[in-house]
PDB file of N, CA and C in Angstrom:
ATOM      1  N   MET A   1      11.525  -7.207 -18.966  1.00  0.00           N
ATOM      2  CA  MET A   1      10.227  -7.206 -18.334  1.00  0.00           C
ATOM      3  C   MET A   1       9.829  -5.751 -18.067  1.00  0.00           C
ATOM      4  N   GLN A   2       8.604  -5.426 -18.377  1.00  0.00           N
ATOM      5  CA  GLN A   2       8.129  -4.063 -18.234  1.00  0.00           C
ATOM      6  C   GLN A   2       7.118  -3.979 -17.105  1.00  0.00           C
ATOM      7  N   PHE A   3       7.273  -2.960 -16.268  1.00  0.00           N
ATOM      8  CA  PHE A   3       6.367  -2.729 -15.151  1.00  0.00           C
ATOM      9  C   PHE A   3       5.225  -1.852 -15.640  1.00  0.00           C
ATOM     10  N   SER A   4       4.011  -2.331 -15.531  1.00  0.00           N
ATOM     11  CA  SER A   4       2.881  -1.572 -16.063  1.00  0.00           C
ATOM     12  C   SER A   4       1.799  -1.371 -15.005  1.00  0.00           C
ATOM     13  N   ALA A   5       2.128  -0.601 -13.996  1.00  0.00           N
ATOM     14  CA  ALA A   5       1.135  -0.250 -12.988  1.00  0.00           C
ATOM     15  C   ALA A   5       0.817   1.232 -13.128  1.00  0.00           C
ATOM     16  N   SER A   6      -0.404   1.583 -12.842  1.00  0.00           N
ATOM     17  CA  SER A   6      -0.802   2.982 -12.965  1.00  0.00           C
ATOM     18  C   SER A   6      -0.323   3.763 -11.743  1.00  0.00           C
ATOM     19  N   PHE A   7      -0.366   5.080 -11.858  1.00  0.00           N
ATOM     20  CA  PHE A   7       0.048   5.931 -10.754  1.00  0.00           C
ATOM     21  C   PHE A   7      -0.878   5.774  -9.553  1.00  0.00           C
ATOM     22  N   THR A   8      -2.152   5.592  -9.794  1.00  0.00           N
ATOM     23  CA  THR A   8      -3.113   5.423  -8.714  1.00  0.00           C
ATOM     24  C   THR A   8      -2.850   4.126  -7.961  1.00  0.00           C
ATOM     25  N   GLU A   9      -2.600   3.056  -8.694  1.00  0.00           N
ATOM     26  CA  GLU A   9      -2.328   1.760  -8.079  1.00  0.00           C
ATOM     27  C   GLU A   9      -1.034   1.805  -7.269  1.00  0.00           C
ATOM     28  N   THR A  10      -0.007   2.432  -7.822  1.00  0.00           N
ATOM     29  CA  THR A  10       1.266   2.542  -7.120  1.00  0.00           C
ATOM     30  C   THR A  10       1.129   3.401  -5.869  1.00  0.00           C
ATOM     31  N   GLY A  11       0.399   4.503  -5.972  1.00  0.00           N
ATOM     32  CA  GLY A  11       0.182   5.367  -4.811  1.00  0.00           C
ATOM     33  C   GLY A  11      -0.575   4.658  -3.699  1.00  0.00           C
ATOM     34  N   LEU A  12      -1.583   3.889  -4.073  1.00  0.00           N
ATOM     35  CA  LEU A  12      -2.350   3.127  -3.092  1.00  0.00           C
ATOM     36  C   LEU A  12      -1.481   2.067  -2.428  1.00  0.00           C
ATOM     37  N   LEU A  13      -0.663   1.400  -3.211  1.00  0.00           N
ATOM     38  CA  LEU A  13       0.217   0.372  -2.658  1.00  0.00           C
ATOM     39  C   LEU A  13       1.254   0.972  -1.729  1.00  0.00           C
ATOM     40  N   VAL A  14       1.821   2.110  -2.087  1.00  0.00           N
ATOM     41  CA  VAL A  14       2.811   2.764  -1.227  1.00  0.00           C
ATOM     42  C   VAL A  14       2.184   3.231   0.081  1.00  0.00           C
ATOM     43  N   SER A  15       1.006   3.823   0.013  1.00  0.00           N
ATOM     44  CA  SER A  15       0.367   4.291   1.246  1.00  0.00           C
ATOM     45  C   SER A  15      -0.031   3.127   2.152  1.00  0.00           C
ATOM     46  N   LEU A  16      -0.487   2.024   1.579  1.00  0.00           N
ATOM     47  CA  LEU A  16      -0.799   0.854   2.407  1.00  0.00           C
ATOM     48  C   LEU A  16       0.468   0.201   2.962  1.00  0.00           C
ATOM     49  N   ALA A  17       1.568   0.257   2.227  1.00  0.00           N
ATOM     50  CA  ALA A  17       2.839  -0.273   2.735  1.00  0.00           C
ATOM     51  C   ALA A  17       3.340   0.560   3.910  1.00  0.00           C
ATOM     52  N   ILE A  18       3.193   1.877   3.827  1.00  0.00           N
ATOM     53  CA  ILE A  18       3.593   2.740   4.947  1.00  0.00           C
ATOM     54  C   ILE A  18       2.711   2.470   6.160  1.00  0.00           C
ATOM     55  N   LEU A  19       1.427   2.274   5.943  1.00  0.00           N
ATOM     56  CA  LEU A  19       0.517   1.930   7.036  1.00  0.00           C
ATOM     57  C   LEU A  19       0.893   0.583   7.652  1.00  0.00           C
ATOM     58  N   SER A  20       1.271  -0.386   6.843  1.00  0.00           N
ATOM     59  CA  SER A  20       1.694  -1.692   7.349  1.00  0.00           C
ATOM     60  C   SER A  20       2.960  -1.580   8.175  1.00  0.00           C
ATOM     61  N   LEU A  21       3.908  -0.782   7.706  1.00  0.00           N
ATOM     62  CA  LEU A  21       5.137  -0.563   8.469  1.00  0.00           C
ATOM     63  C   LEU A  21       4.858   0.098   9.811  1.00  0.00           C
ATOM     64  N   ALA A  22       3.998   1.103   9.804  1.00  0.00           N
ATOM     65  CA  ALA A  22       3.655   1.792  11.046  1.00  0.00           C
ATOM     66  C   ALA A  22       2.964   0.844  12.024  1.00  0.00           C
ATOM     67  N   LEU A  23       2.078   0.007  11.520  1.00  0.00           N
ATOM     68  CA  LEU A  23       1.381  -0.960  12.373  1.00  0.00           C
ATOM     69  C   LEU A  23       2.348  -1.974  12.966  1.00  0.00           C
ATOM     70  N   SER A  24       3.278  -2.468  12.170  1.00  0.00           N
ATOM     71  CA  SER A  24       4.227  -3.456  12.690  1.00  0.00           C
ATOM     72  C   SER A  24       5.197  -2.827  13.690  1.00  0.00           C
ATOM     73  N   CYS A  25       5.624  -1.591  13.438  1.00  0.00           N
ATOM     74  CA  CYS A  25       6.502  -0.909  14.405  1.00  0.00           C
ATOM     75  C   CYS A  25       5.776  -0.621  15.708  1.00  0.00           C
ATOM     76  N   TRP A  26       4.510  -0.222  15.612  1.00  0.00           N
ATOM     77  CA  TRP A  26       3.731   0.051  16.802  1.00  0.00           C
ATOM     78  C   TRP A  26       3.535  -1.216  17.639  1.00  0.00           C
ATOM     79  N   SER A  27       3.248  -2.326  16.973  1.00  0.00           N
ATOM     80  CA  SER A  27       3.005  -3.567  17.715  1.00  0.00           C
ATOM     81  C   SER A  27       4.288  -4.140  18.301  1.00  0.00           C
ATOM     82  N   ALA A  28       5.443  -3.830  17.719  1.00  0.00           N
ATOM     83  CA  ALA A  28       6.702  -4.359  18.231  1.00  0.00           C
ATOM     84  C   ALA A  28       7.156  -3.641  19.500  1.00  0.00           C
ATOM     85  N   ARG A  29       6.577  -2.519  19.819  1.00  0.00           N
ATOM     86  CA  ARG A  29       7.016  -1.747  20.977  1.00  0.00           C
ATOM     87  C   ARG A  29       6.459  -2.254  22.297  1.00  0.00           C
ATOM     88  N   TYR A  30       5.357  -2.974  22.311  1.00  0.00           N
ATOM     89  CA  TYR A  30       4.656  -3.228  23.554  1.00  0.00           C
ATOM     90  C   TYR A  30       5.004  -4.517  24.306  1.00  0.00           C
ATOM     91  N   PRO A  31       5.494  -5.573  23.689  1.00  0.00           N
ATOM     92  CA  PRO A  31       5.843  -6.750  24.502  1.00  0.00           C
ATOM     93  C   PRO A  31       6.998  -6.447  25.465  1.00  0.00           C
ATOM     94  N   ARG A  32       7.071  -7.216  26.570  1.00  0.00           N
ATOM     95  CA  ARG A  32       8.101  -6.991  27.580  1.00  0.00           C
ATOM     96  C   ARG A  32       9.475  -7.465  27.114  1.00  0.00           C
ATOM     97  N   LYS A  33       9.518  -8.543  26.354  1.00  0.00           N
ATOM     98  CA  LYS A  33      10.805  -9.054  25.866  1.00  0.00           C
ATOM     99  C   LYS A  33      11.065  -8.523  24.465  1.00  0.00           C
ATOM    100  N   THR A  34      12.300  -8.146  24.219  1.00  0.00           N
ATOM    101  CA  THR A  34      12.672  -7.584  22.923  1.00  0.00           C
ATOM    102  C   THR A  34      12.510  -8.599  21.800  1.00  0.00           C
ATOM    103  N   SER A  35      12.901  -9.844  22.052  1.00  0.00           N
ATOM    104  CA  SER A  35      12.810 -10.860  21.002  1.00  0.00           C
ATOM    105  C   SER A  35      11.359 -11.117  20.596  1.00  0.00           C
ATOM    106  N   VAL A  36      10.456 -11.096  21.554  1.00  0.00           N
ATOM    107  CA  VAL A  36       9.037 -11.289  21.251  1.00  0.00           C
ATOM    108  C   VAL A  36       8.516 -10.095  20.445  1.00  0.00           C
ATOM    109  N   GLY A  37       8.941  -8.890  20.805  1.00  0.00           N
ATOM    110  CA  GLY A  37       8.513  -7.707  20.073  1.00  0.00           C
ATOM    111  C   GLY A  37       9.005  -7.710  18.639  1.00  0.00           C
ATOM    112  N   ILE A  38      10.259  -8.098  18.442  1.00  0.00           N
ATOM    113  CA  ILE A  38      10.810  -8.161  17.085  1.00  0.00           C
ATOM    114  C   ILE A  38      10.075  -9.203  16.256  1.00  0.00           C
ATOM    115  N   LEU A  39       9.862 -10.382  16.828  1.00  0.00           N
ATOM    116  CA  LEU A  39       9.159 -11.444  16.111  1.00  0.00           C
ATOM    117  C   LEU A  39       7.724 -11.027  15.781  1.00  0.00           C
ATOM    118  N   LEU A  40       7.044 -10.418  16.741  1.00  0.00           N
ATOM    119  CA  LEU A  40       5.669  -9.966  16.504  1.00  0.00           C
ATOM    120  C   LEU A  40       5.622  -8.888  15.426  1.00  0.00           C
ATOM    121  N   GLY A  41       6.557  -7.941  15.478  1.00  0.00           N
ATOM    122  CA  GLY A  41       6.591  -6.887  14.477  1.00  0.00           C
ATOM    123  C   GLY A  41       6.867  -7.414  13.083  1.00  0.00           C
ATOM    124  N   VAL A  42       7.807  -8.349  12.970  1.00  0.00           N
ATOM    125  CA  VAL A  42       8.141  -8.918  11.656  1.00  0.00           C
ATOM    126  C   VAL A  42       6.974  -9.712  11.093  1.00  0.00           C
ATOM    127  N   LEU A  43       6.370 -10.561  11.912  1.00  0.00           N
ATOM    128  CA  LEU A  43       5.247 -11.368  11.432  1.00  0.00           C
ATOM    129  C   LEU A  43       4.044 -10.499  11.050  1.00  0.00           C
ATOM    130  N   LEU A  44       3.744  -9.509  11.873  1.00  0.00           N
ATOM    131  CA  LEU A  44       2.629  -8.624  11.546  1.00  0.00           C
ATOM    132  C   LEU A  44       2.935  -7.788  10.308  1.00  0.00           C
ATOM    133  N   GLY A  45       4.188  -7.357  10.152  1.00  0.00           N
ATOM    134  CA  GLY A  45       4.566  -6.592   8.967  1.00  0.00           C
ATOM    135  C   GLY A  45       4.434  -7.403   7.690  1.00  0.00           C
ATOM    136  N   ILE A  46       4.917  -8.636   7.718  1.00  0.00           N
ATOM    137  CA  ILE A  46       4.811  -9.506   6.537  1.00  0.00           C
ATOM    138  C   ILE A  46       3.351  -9.788   6.208  1.00  0.00           C
ATOM    139  N   PHE A  47       2.561 -10.074   7.238  1.00  0.00           N
ATOM    140  CA  PHE A  47       1.140 -10.333   7.020  1.00  0.00           C
ATOM    141  C   PHE A  47       0.434  -9.103   6.451  1.00  0.00           C
ATOM    142  N   ALA A  48       0.714  -7.932   7.026  1.00  0.00           N
ATOM    143  CA  ALA A  48       0.049  -6.714   6.566  1.00  0.00           C
ATOM    144  C   ALA A  48       0.468  -6.352   5.144  1.00  0.00           C
ATOM    145  N   PHE A  49       1.760  -6.553   4.799  1.00  0.00           N
ATOM    146  CA  PHE A  49       2.208  -6.299   3.427  1.00  0.00           C
ATOM    147  C   PHE A  49       1.484  -7.207   2.442  1.00  0.00           C
ATOM    148  N   ASN A  50       1.353  -8.483   2.783  1.00  0.00           N
ATOM    149  CA  ASN A  50       0.666  -9.418   1.887  1.00  0.00           C
ATOM    150  C   ASN A  50      -0.811  -9.081   1.735  1.00  0.00           C
ATOM    151  N   VAL A  51      -1.456  -8.702   2.822  1.00  0.00           N
ATOM    152  CA  VAL A  51      -2.868  -8.320   2.747  1.00  0.00           C
ATOM    153  C   VAL A  51      -3.025  -7.062   1.898  1.00  0.00           C
ATOM    154  N   ALA A  52      -2.143  -6.085   2.096  1.00  0.00           N
ATOM    155  CA  ALA A  52      -2.221  -4.845   1.317  1.00  0.00           C
ATOM    156  C   ALA A  52      -1.992  -5.108  -0.165  1.00  0.00           C
ATOM    157  N   ALA A  53      -1.005  -5.948  -0.490  1.00  0.00           N
ATOM    158  CA  ALA A  53      -0.736  -6.260  -1.899  1.00  0.00           C
ATOM    159  C   ALA A  53      -1.907  -7.021  -2.517  1.00  0.00           C
ATOM    160  N   GLY A  54      -2.493  -7.945  -1.781  1.00  0.00           N
ATOM    161  CA  GLY A  54      -3.664  -8.667  -2.276  1.00  0.00           C
ATOM    162  C   GLY A  54      -4.856  -7.759  -2.471  1.00  0.00           C
ATOM    163  N   PHE A  55      -5.039  -6.812  -1.557  1.00  0.00           N
ATOM    164  CA  PHE A  55      -6.144  -5.865  -1.664  1.00  0.00           C
ATOM    165  C   PHE A  55      -5.979  -4.975  -2.894  1.00  0.00           C
ATOM    166  N   VAL A  56      -4.775  -4.487  -3.127  1.00  0.00           N
ATOM    167  CA  VAL A  56      -4.535  -3.641  -4.298  1.00  0.00           C
ATOM    168  C   VAL A  56      -4.665  -4.459  -5.585  1.00  0.00           C
ATOM    169  N   ALA A  57      -4.208  -5.709  -5.575  1.00  0.00           N
ATOM    170  CA  ALA A  57      -4.369  -6.558  -6.762  1.00  0.00           C
ATOM    171  C   ALA A  57      -5.844  -6.824  -7.043  1.00  0.00           C
ATOM    172  N   PHE A  58      -6.634  -7.051  -5.986  1.00  0.00           N
ATOM    173  CA  PHE A  58      -8.072  -7.240  -6.164  1.00  0.00           C
ATOM    174  C   PHE A  58      -8.717  -5.980  -6.726  1.00  0.00           C
ATOM    175  N   LEU A  59      -8.349  -4.823  -6.168  1.00  0.00           N
ATOM    176  CA  LEU A  59      -8.899  -3.567  -6.682  1.00  0.00           C
ATOM    177  C   LEU A  59      -8.462  -3.314  -8.123  1.00  0.00           C
ATOM    178  N   GLY A  60      -7.256  -3.776  -8.487  1.00  0.00           N
ATOM    179  CA  GLY A  60      -6.800  -3.629  -9.858  1.00  0.00           C
ATOM    180  C   GLY A  60      -7.651  -4.412 -10.840  1.00  0.00           C
ATOM    181  N   ASN A  61      -8.240  -5.510 -10.385  1.00  0.00           N
ATOM    182  CA  ASN A  61      -9.135  -6.287 -11.247  1.00  0.00           C
ATOM    183  C   ASN A  61     -10.550  -5.714 -11.262  1.00  0.00           C
ATOM    184  N   VAL A  62     -10.928  -5.002 -10.218  1.00  0.00           N
ATOM    185  CA  VAL A  62     -12.286  -4.485 -10.109  1.00  0.00           C
ATOM    186  C   VAL A  62     -12.390  -3.057 -10.644  1.00  0.00           C
ATOM    187  N   LEU A  63     -11.438  -2.199 -10.242  1.00  0.00           N
ATOM    188  CA  LEU A  63     -11.478  -0.790 -10.639  1.00  0.00           C
ATOM    189  C   LEU A  63     -10.588  -0.543 -11.856  1.00  0.00           C
ATOM    190  N   PRO A  64     -11.005   0.336 -12.727  1.00  0.00           N
ATOM    191  CA  PRO A  64     -10.153   0.677 -13.880  1.00  0.00           C
ATOM    192  C   PRO A  64      -9.121   1.736 -13.499  1.00  0.00           C
ATOM    193  N   PHE A  65      -7.972   1.300 -12.943  1.00  0.00           N
ATOM    194  CA  PHE A  65      -6.967   2.253 -12.479  1.00  0.00           C
ATOM    195  C   PHE A  65      -6.441   3.126 -13.621  1.00  0.00           C
ATOM    196  N   GLY A  66      -6.283   2.567 -14.808  1.00  0.00           N
ATOM    197  CA  GLY A  66      -5.828   3.363 -15.943  1.00  0.00           C
ATOM    198  C   GLY A  66      -6.821   4.456 -16.289  1.00  0.00           C
ATOM    199  N   GLN A  67      -8.112   4.140 -16.205  1.00  0.00           N
ATOM    200  CA  GLN A  67      -9.142   5.139 -16.475  1.00  0.00           C
ATOM    201  C   GLN A  67      -9.157   6.209 -15.393  1.00  0.00           C
ATOM    202  N   ILE A  68      -8.943   5.806 -14.142  1.00  0.00           N
ATOM    203  CA  ILE A  68      -8.885   6.769 -13.047  1.00  0.00           C
ATOM    204  C   ILE A  68      -7.710   7.721 -13.252  1.00  0.00           C
ATOM    205  N   ASP A  69      -6.558   7.204 -13.688  1.00  0.00           N
ATOM    206  CA  ASP A  69      -5.407   8.063 -13.990  1.00  0.00           C
ATOM    207  C   ASP A  69      -5.734   9.042 -15.106  1.00  0.00           C
ATOM    208  N   PHE A  70      -6.456   8.576 -16.113  1.00  0.00           N
ATOM    209  CA  PHE A  70      -6.849   9.446 -17.225  1.00  0.00           C
ATOM    210  C   PHE A  70      -7.764  10.568 -16.740  1.00  0.00           C
ATOM    211  N   TRP A  71      -8.743  10.221 -15.893  1.00  0.00           N
ATOM    212  CA  TRP A  71      -9.648  11.232 -15.352  1.00  0.00           C
ATOM    213  C   TRP A  71      -8.896  12.247 -14.489  1.00  0.00           C
ATOM    214  N   LEU A  72      -7.987  11.743 -13.653  1.00  0.00           N
ATOM    215  CA  LEU A  72      -7.222  12.644 -12.798  1.00  0.00           C
ATOM    216  C   LEU A  72      -6.336  13.581 -13.616  1.00  0.00           C
ATOM    217  N   SER A  73      -5.704  13.061 -14.659  1.00  0.00           N
ATOM    218  CA  SER A  73      -4.837  13.917 -15.477  1.00  0.00           C
ATOM    219  C   SER A  73      -5.662  14.953 -16.247  1.00  0.00           C
ATOM    220  N   ASN A  74      -6.839  14.565 -16.717  1.00  0.00           N
ATOM    221  CA  ASN A  74      -7.704  15.532 -17.399  1.00  0.00           C
ATOM    222  C   ASN A  74      -8.221  16.617 -16.446  1.00  0.00           C
ATOM    223  N   SER A  75      -8.590  16.222 -15.249  1.00  0.00           N
ATOM    224  CA  SER A  75      -9.073  17.224 -14.298  1.00  0.00           C
ATOM    225  C   SER A  75      -7.940  18.130 -13.832  1.00  0.00           C
ATOM    226  N   LEU A  76      -6.746  17.584 -13.681  1.00  0.00           N
ATOM    227  CA  LEU A  76      -5.592  18.400 -13.305  1.00  0.00           C
ATOM    228  C   LEU A  76      -5.205  19.349 -14.433  1.00  0.00           C
ATOM    229  N   ALA A  77      -5.296  18.881 -15.675  1.00  0.00           N
ATOM    230  CA  ALA A  77      -5.014  19.752 -16.822  1.00  0.00           C
ATOM    231  C   ALA A  77      -6.046  20.864 -16.928  1.00  0.00           C
ATOM    232  N   GLY A  78      -7.291  20.571 -16.592  1.00  0.00           N
ATOM    233  CA  GLY A  78      -8.332  21.581 -16.613  1.00  0.00           C
ATOM    234  C   GLY A  78      -8.125  22.639 -15.541  1.00  0.00           C
ATOM    235  N   ILE A  79      -7.613  22.226 -14.395  1.00  0.00           N
ATOM    236  CA  ILE A  79      -7.358  23.163 -13.307  1.00  0.00           C
ATOM    237  C   ILE A  79      -6.162  24.061 -13.648  1.00  0.00           C
ATOM    238  N   LEU A  80      -5.152  23.482 -14.262  1.00  0.00           N
ATOM    239  CA  LEU A  80      -3.918  24.224 -14.536  1.00  0.00           C
ATOM    240  C   LEU A  80      -4.017  25.128 -15.758  1.00  0.00           C
ATOM    241  N   ARG A  81      -5.071  25.021 -16.543  1.00  0.00           N
ATOM    242  CA  ARG A  81      -5.224  25.894 -17.722  1.00  0.00           C
ATOM    243  C   ARG A  81      -5.538  27.286 -17.373  1.00  0.00           C
TER     244      ARG A  81
END
């Protein structure tokens, strides 16, 4: 099986995953009971990961990520010349 995601799509997914992790860790800190905080953090993390993955998949159908990678590589090559 071959993984065929563009660099832009992967970068967007990684940044949204880091944001989801930060949100779940932040929300797990505030409840008074530790078990409630852990449960809240895990549920919010799973929900945020799924929303982020769905959002990136939707954008993958709407935006031409491969074309965006091509434009970025051409502009970077033009800058580095």
